[in-house]
PDB file of N, CA and C in Angstrom:
ATOM      1  N   MET A   1      53.285   8.299  74.311  1.00  0.00           N
ATOM      2  CA  MET A   1      52.851   6.922  73.473  1.00  0.00           C
ATOM      3  C   MET A   1      53.025   6.651  72.454  1.00  0.00           C
ATOM      4  N   ASN A   2      52.668   7.519  71.713  1.00  0.00           N
ATOM      5  CA  ASN A   2      53.131   7.644  70.051  1.00  0.00           C
ATOM      6  C   ASN A   2      53.981   7.531  69.722  1.00  0.00           C
ATOM      7  N   ILE A   3      55.282   8.318  70.413  1.00  0.00           N
ATOM      8  CA  ILE A   3      56.620   7.805  70.448  1.00  0.00           C
ATOM      9  C   ILE A   3      57.191   6.483  70.236  1.00  0.00           C
ATOM     10  N   HIS A   4      56.699   5.449  71.343  1.00  0.00           N
ATOM     11  CA  HIS A   4      56.837   4.158  71.621  1.00  0.00           C
ATOM     12  C   HIS A   4      56.537   3.857  70.288  1.00  0.00           C
ATOM     13  N   LEU A   5      55.515   3.663  70.156  1.00  0.00           N
ATOM     14  CA  LEU A   5      54.593   3.142  68.832  1.00  0.00           C
ATOM     15  C   LEU A   5      55.519   3.272  67.476  1.00  0.00           C
ATOM     16  N   GLU A   6      55.797   4.752  67.338  1.00  0.00           N
ATOM     17  CA  GLU A   6      56.743   5.063  66.151  1.00  0.00           C
ATOM     18  C   GLU A   6      57.971   4.546  66.078  1.00  0.00           C
ATOM     19  N   LYS A   7      58.599   4.305  67.049  1.00  0.00           N
ATOM     20  CA  LYS A   7      59.733   3.631  67.285  1.00  0.00           C
ATOM     21  C   LYS A   7      59.732   2.182  67.174  1.00  0.00           C
ATOM     22  N   LEU A   8      58.439   1.528  67.499  1.00  0.00           N
ATOM     23  CA  LEU A   8      58.746   0.232  67.392  1.00  0.00           C
ATOM     24  C   LEU A   8      58.136  -0.237  65.458  1.00  0.00           C
ATOM     25  N   LEU A   9      57.440   1.119  64.902  1.00  0.00           N
ATOM     26  CA  LEU A   9      57.293   0.853  63.562  1.00  0.00           C
ATOM     27  C   LEU A   9      58.429   1.166  62.823  1.00  0.00           C
ATOM     28  N   GLU A  10      59.353   1.906  63.481  1.00  0.00           N
ATOM     29  CA  GLU A  10      60.234   2.109  62.619  1.00  0.00           C
ATOM     30  C   GLU A  10      61.395   0.758  62.509  1.00  0.00           C
ATOM     31  N   LYS A  11      61.258   0.096  63.915  1.00  0.00           N
ATOM     32  CA  LYS A  11      62.111  -1.108  64.037  1.00  0.00           C
ATOM     33  C   LYS A  11      61.750  -2.139  62.878  1.00  0.00           C
ATOM     34  N   ALA A  12      60.644  -2.014  63.171  1.00  0.00           N
ATOM     35  CA  ALA A  12      59.545  -3.065  62.162  1.00  0.00           C
ATOM     36  C   ALA A  12      60.284  -2.813  60.692  1.00  0.00           C
ATOM     37  N   ASN A  13      59.983  -1.901  60.214  1.00  0.00           N
ATOM     38  CA  ASN A  13      60.407  -1.572  58.966  1.00  0.00           C
ATOM     39  C   ASN A  13      61.761  -1.634  58.425  1.00  0.00           C
ATOM     40  N   LYS A  14      62.642  -1.266  59.532  1.00  0.00           N
ATOM     41  CA  LYS A  14      64.162  -2.126  58.962  1.00  0.00           C
ATOM     42  C   LYS A  14      64.634  -3.574  58.933  1.00  0.00           C
ATOM     43  N   LYS A  15      63.564  -4.130  59.573  1.00  0.00           N
ATOM     44  CA  LYS A  15      63.652  -5.376  59.766  1.00  0.00           C
ATOM     45  C   LYS A  15      63.319  -6.046  58.385  1.00  0.00           C
ATOM     46  N   LYS A  16      62.117  -5.020  58.025  1.00  0.00           N
ATOM     47  CA  LYS A  16      61.372  -6.055  56.916  1.00  0.00           C
ATOM     48  C   LYS A  16      62.335  -5.284  55.812  1.00  0.00           C
ATOM     49  N   LYS A  17      63.103  -4.005  55.296  1.00  0.00           N
ATOM     50  CA  LYS A  17      63.778  -3.485  54.474  1.00  0.00           C
ATOM     51  C   LYS A  17      64.807  -5.015  54.373  1.00  0.00           C
ATOM     52  N   ILE A  18      65.499  -5.160  55.887  1.00  0.00           N
ATOM     53  CA  ILE A  18      66.612  -6.261  55.740  1.00  0.00           C
ATOM     54  C   ILE A  18      66.340  -7.344  55.169  1.00  0.00           C
ATOM     55  N   LEU A  19      65.333  -7.805  55.736  1.00  0.00           N
ATOM     56  CA  LEU A  19      64.726  -9.330  54.761  1.00  0.00           C
ATOM     57  C   LEU A  19      64.584  -8.933  53.473  1.00  0.00           C
ATOM     58  N   PHE A  20      64.020  -8.100  53.045  1.00  0.00           N
ATOM     59  CA  PHE A  20      63.724  -7.721  51.464  1.00  0.00           C
ATOM     60  C   PHE A  20      65.231  -8.033  50.913  1.00  0.00           C
ATOM     61  N   HIS A  21      65.805  -7.551  51.308  1.00  0.00           N
ATOM     62  CA  HIS A  21      67.190  -6.993  50.534  1.00  0.00           C
ATOM     63  C   HIS A  21      68.035  -8.513  50.668  1.00  0.00           C
ATOM     64  N   MET A  22      67.536  -9.232  51.488  1.00  0.00           N
ATOM     65  CA  MET A  22      68.649 -10.725  51.669  1.00  0.00           C
ATOM     66  C   MET A  22      67.543 -11.521  50.825  1.00  0.00           C
ATOM     67  N   ALA A  23      66.732 -11.480  50.626  1.00  0.00           N
ATOM     68  CA  ALA A  23      65.852 -12.182  49.407  1.00  0.00           C
ATOM     69  C   ALA A  23      67.095 -11.704  48.339  1.00  0.00           C
ATOM     70  N   TYR A  24      66.667 -10.630  47.946  1.00  0.00           N
ATOM     71  CA  TYR A  24      67.600 -10.497  46.470  1.00  0.00           C
ATOM     72  C   TYR A  24      68.768 -10.980  47.094  1.00  0.00           C
ATOM     73  N   HIS A  25      69.639 -10.949  48.023  1.00  0.00           N
ATOM     74  CA  HIS A  25      71.184 -11.197  48.037  1.00  0.00           C
ATOM     75  C   HIS A  25      71.465 -12.642  47.556  1.00  0.00           C
ATOM     76  N   TYR A  26      70.388 -13.371  48.256  1.00  0.00           N
ATOM     77  CA  TYR A  26      70.451 -14.924  48.207  1.00  0.00           C
ATOM     78  C   TYR A  26      69.570 -15.599  46.984  1.00  0.00           C
ATOM     79  N   MET A  27      69.251 -15.100  46.380  1.00  0.00           N
ATOM     80  CA  MET A  27      68.524 -14.521  44.847  1.00  0.00           C
ATOM     81  C   MET A  27      69.750 -14.961  43.650  1.00  0.00           C
ATOM     82  N   THR A  28      70.246 -13.782  44.249  1.00  0.00           N
ATOM     83  CA  THR A  28      71.682 -13.723  43.084  1.00  0.00           C
ATOM     84  C   THR A  28      72.591 -14.661  43.708  1.00  0.00           C
ATOM     85  N   ARG A  29      72.609 -14.403  44.276  1.00  0.00           N
ATOM     86  CA  ARG A  29      74.057 -15.465  44.763  1.00  0.00           C
ATOM     87  C   ARG A  29      73.666 -17.078  44.392  1.00  0.00           C
ATOM     88  N   ASN A  30      71.879 -17.588  44.831  1.00  0.00           N
ATOM     89  CA  ASN A  30      71.848 -18.619  43.960  1.00  0.00           C
ATOM     90  C   ASN A  30      71.997 -18.484  42.506  1.00  0.00           C
ATOM     91  N   LYS A  31      71.898 -17.941  41.831  1.00  0.00           N
ATOM     92  CA  LYS A  31      71.802 -17.302  40.176  1.00  0.00           C
ATOM     93  C   LYS A  31      73.486 -17.603  39.600  1.00  0.00           C
ATOM     94  N   ILE A  32      74.294 -17.332  40.616  1.00  0.00           N
ATOM     95  CA  ILE A  32      75.676 -17.018  40.094  1.00  0.00           C
ATOM     96  C   ILE A  32      76.629 -18.599  40.541  1.00  0.00           C
ATOM     97  N   CYS A  33      75.802 -19.113  41.621  1.00  0.00           N
ATOM     98  CA  CYS A  33      76.327 -20.586  42.171  1.00  0.00           C
ATOM     99  C   CYS A  33      75.754 -21.538  41.055  1.00  0.00           C
ATOM    100  N   ASN A  34      74.666 -21.257  40.455  1.00  0.00           N
ATOM    101  CA  ASN A  34      73.997 -21.941  38.996  1.00  0.00           C
ATOM    102  C   ASN A  34      74.952 -22.103  37.946  1.00  0.00           C
ATOM    103  N   ILE A  35      75.489 -21.093  37.905  1.00  0.00           N
ATOM    104  CA  ILE A  35      75.891 -20.470  36.514  1.00  0.00           C
ATOM    105  C   ILE A  35      77.336 -21.214  36.739  1.00  0.00           C
ATOM    106  N   ARG A  36      78.098 -21.114  38.083  1.00  0.00           N
ATOM    107  CA  ARG A  36      79.427 -21.960  38.193  1.00  0.00           C
ATOM    108  C   ARG A  36      79.236 -23.861  38.108  1.00  0.00           C
ATOM    109  N   ILE A  37      77.582 -23.781  38.395  1.00  0.00           N
ATOM    110  CA  ILE A  37      77.642 -25.408  38.330  1.00  0.00           C
ATOM    111  C   ILE A  37      78.103 -25.499  37.010  1.00  0.00           C
ATOM    112  N   ARG A  38      76.778 -24.635  36.332  1.00  0.00           N
ATOM    113  CA  ARG A  38      76.953 -25.378  34.523  1.00  0.00           C
ATOM    114  C   ARG A  38      78.172 -24.990  34.079  1.00  0.00           C
ATOM    115  N   LYS A  39      78.922 -24.334  34.742  1.00  0.00           N
ATOM    116  CA  LYS A  39      80.386 -24.318  33.754  1.00  0.00           C
ATOM    117  C   LYS A  39      81.431 -25.017  34.152  1.00  0.00           C
ATOM    118  N   LEU A  40      81.214 -25.778  35.766  1.00  0.00           N
ATOM    119  CA  LEU A  40      81.653 -27.266  36.208  1.00  0.00           C
ATOM    120  C   LEU A  40      81.530 -28.464  35.147  1.00  0.00           C
ATOM    121  N   LYS A  41      80.108 -28.677  34.974  1.00  0.00           N
ATOM    122  CA  LYS A  41      79.677 -29.509  34.722  1.00  0.00           C
ATOM    123  C   LYS A  41      80.103 -30.011  32.549  1.00  0.00           C
ATOM    124  N   ALA A  42      80.337 -28.010  32.216  1.00  0.00           N
ATOM    125  CA  ALA A  42      80.465 -28.148  31.129  1.00  0.00           C
ATOM    126  C   ALA A  42      82.094 -29.125  30.523  1.00  0.00           C
ATOM    127  N   ARG A  43      83.049 -28.723  31.881  1.00  0.00           N
ATOM    128  CA  ARG A  43      84.320 -28.986  31.353  1.00  0.00           C
ATOM    129  C   ARG A  43      84.419 -30.632  31.093  1.00  0.00           C
ATOM    130  N   PRO A  44      83.947 -31.539  32.035  1.00  0.00           N
ATOM    131  CA  PRO A  44      84.337 -32.989  31.543  1.00  0.00           C
ATOM    132  C   PRO A  44      83.892 -33.189  29.871  1.00  0.00           C
ATOM    133  N   ARG A  45      82.366 -32.432  29.502  1.00  0.00           N
ATOM    134  CA  ARG A  45      82.033 -32.581  28.408  1.00  0.00           C
ATOM    135  C   ARG A  45      82.778 -32.093  27.568  1.00  0.00           C
ATOM    136  N   LYS A  46      83.610 -31.136  27.888  1.00  0.00           N
ATOM    137  CA  LYS A  46      84.472 -31.098  26.305  1.00  0.00           C
ATOM    138  C   LYS A  46      85.326 -31.502  26.399  1.00  0.00           C
ATOM    139  N   ALA A  47      86.124 -32.016  27.512  1.00  0.00           N
ATOM    140  CA  ALA A  47      87.216 -32.896  27.627  1.00  0.00           C
ATOM    141  C   ALA A  47      86.654 -34.624  26.913  1.00  0.00           C
ATOM    142  N   LEU A  48      85.794 -34.636  26.827  1.00  0.00           N
ATOM    143  CA  LEU A  48      85.247 -36.008  26.412  1.00  0.00           C
ATOM    144  C   LEU A  48      85.261 -36.003  25.095  1.00  0.00           C
ATOM    145  N   ARG A  49      84.596 -35.109  24.486  1.00  0.00           N
ATOM    146  CA  ARG A  49      84.532 -34.337  23.107  1.00  0.00           C
ATOM    147  C   ARG A  49      86.148 -34.494  22.302  1.00  0.00           C
ATOM    148  N   ARG A  50      86.695 -33.340  22.971  1.00  0.00           N
ATOM    149  CA  ARG A  50      88.258 -33.451  22.589  1.00  0.00           C
ATOM    150  C   ARG A  50      88.826 -35.170  22.712  1.00  0.00           C
ATOM    151  N   LYS A  51      88.556 -35.839  23.489  1.00  0.00           N
ATOM    152  CA  LYS A  51      88.985 -37.142  23.274  1.00  0.00           C
ATOM    153  C   LYS A  51      88.224 -37.779  22.453  1.00  0.00           C
ATOM    154  N   LYS A  52      87.254 -37.448  21.918  1.00  0.00           N
ATOM    155  CA  LYS A  52      86.581 -38.465  20.817  1.00  0.00           C
ATOM    156  C   LYS A  52      87.433 -38.118  19.681  1.00  0.00           C
ATOM    157  N   GLU A  53      87.570 -36.604  19.622  1.00  0.00           N
ATOM    158  CA  GLU A  53      88.164 -36.323  18.282  1.00  0.00           C
ATOM    159  C   GLU A  53      89.418 -36.837  18.184  1.00  0.00           C
ATOM    160  N   LYS A  54      90.071 -36.681  18.841  1.00  0.00           N
ATOM    161  CA  LYS A  54      91.635 -37.813  19.255  1.00  0.00           C
ATOM    162  C   LYS A  54      91.722 -38.801  18.417  1.00  0.00           C
ATOM    163  N   ASN A  55      90.317 -39.361  18.922  1.00  0.00           N
ATOM    164  CA  ASN A  55      90.022 -41.157  18.561  1.00  0.00           C
ATOM    165  C   ASN A  55      89.855 -41.152  17.492  1.00  0.00           C
ATOM    166  N   LYS A  56      88.896 -40.309  16.732  1.00  0.00           N
ATOM    167  CA  LYS A  56      88.620 -40.634  15.342  1.00  0.00           C
ATOM    168  C   LYS A  56      89.969 -40.147  14.604  1.00  0.00           C
ATOM    169  N   LEU A  57      90.721 -38.972  14.803  1.00  0.00           N
ATOM    170  CA  LEU A  57      91.901 -39.044  13.981  1.00  0.00           C
ATOM    171  C   LEU A  57      93.152 -40.017  14.361  1.00  0.00           C
ATOM    172  N   GLU A  58      93.250 -40.866  15.132  1.00  0.00           N
ATOM    173  CA  GLU A  58      93.939 -41.869  15.541  1.00  0.00           C
ATOM    174  C   GLU A  58      93.699 -42.949  14.469  1.00  0.00           C
ATOM    175  N   ILE A  59      91.782 -43.201  14.669  1.00  0.00           N
ATOM    176  CA  ILE A  59      91.353 -44.097  13.852  1.00  0.00           C
ATOM    177  C   ILE A  59      91.832 -44.029  11.977  1.00  0.00           C
ATOM    178  N   LEU A  60      91.915 -42.661  11.789  1.00  0.00           N
ATOM    179  CA  LEU A  60      91.675 -42.639  10.846  1.00  0.00           C
ATOM    180  C   LEU A  60      93.697 -42.396   9.778  1.00  0.00           C
ATOM    181  N   ALA A  61      94.259 -41.787  10.711  1.00  0.00           N
ATOM    182  CA  ALA A  61      95.972 -42.055  10.648  1.00  0.00           C
ATOM    183  C   ALA A  61      96.401 -43.631  10.389  1.00  0.00           C
ATOM    184  N   ASP A  62      95.666 -44.941  11.857  1.00  0.00           N
ATOM    185  CA  ASP A  62      95.804 -45.795  11.660  1.00  0.00           C
ATOM    186  C   ASP A  62      95.195 -46.503  10.166  1.00  0.00           C
ATOM    187  N   ALA A  63      94.271 -46.111   9.796  1.00  0.00           N
ATOM    188  CA  ALA A  63      93.692 -46.592   8.664  1.00  0.00           C
ATOM    189  C   ALA A  63      94.432 -46.199   7.319  1.00  0.00           C
ATOM    190  N   SER A  64      95.225 -44.601   7.209  1.00  0.00           N
ATOM    191  CA  SER A  64      95.507 -44.198   6.535  1.00  0.00           C
ATOM    192  C   SER A  64      97.365 -44.964   6.187  1.00  0.00           C
ATOM    193  N   LEU A  65      97.305 -45.643   7.546  1.00  0.00           N
ATOM    194  CA  LEU A  65      99.180 -45.948   7.181  1.00  0.00           C
ATOM    195  C   LEU A  65      98.941 -47.372   6.912  1.00  0.00           C
ATOM    196  N   ALA A  66      97.745 -48.633   7.294  1.00  0.00           N
ATOM    197  CA  ALA A  66      97.479 -49.421   6.840  1.00  0.00           C
ATOM    198  C   ALA A  66      97.050 -49.622   5.229  1.00  0.00           C
ATOM    199  N   HIS A  67      96.726 -48.875   4.919  1.00  0.00           N
ATOM    200  CA  HIS A  67      96.168 -48.520   3.450  1.00  0.00           C
ATOM    201  C   HIS A  67      97.697 -48.027   2.563  1.00  0.00           C
ATOM    202  N   GLN A  68      98.605 -47.451   3.382  1.00  0.00           N
ATOM    203  CA  GLN A  68      99.897 -47.582   3.012  1.00  0.00           C
ATOM    204  C   GLN A  68     100.828 -48.942   2.624  1.00  0.00           C
ATOM    205  N   SER A  69     100.633 -49.512   4.139  1.00  0.00           N
ATOM    206  CA  SER A  69     101.346 -50.469   4.131  1.00  0.00           C
ATOM    207  C   SER A  69     100.989 -51.478   3.089  1.00  0.00           C
ATOM    208  N   SER A  70      99.732 -51.769   2.935  1.00  0.00           N
ATOM    209  CA  SER A  70      99.415 -53.142   2.021  1.00  0.00           C
ATOM    210  C   SER A  70      99.543 -52.778   0.494  1.00  0.00           C
ATOM    211  N   ALA A  71      99.644 -51.156   0.194  1.00  0.00           N
ATOM    212  CA  ALA A  71      99.827 -51.112  -1.098  1.00  0.00           C
ATOM    213  C   ALA A  71     101.259 -50.989  -1.631  1.00  0.00           C
TER     214      ALA A  71
END
């Protein structure tokens, strides 16, 4: 009788260990996915900044050309 109960207890402990391990697994997986999402969101921002910088340089270049042509 005790052997049967011990086997049931071992099975329950195994399931408990697996569930505990899976909780950590999903938590780390979630962190990795959040990092990937942050990186993907940062890409368009960087591209937009570069585009704005180019526009500023074009405006300066146009202004200097206009200044040279008027002189």
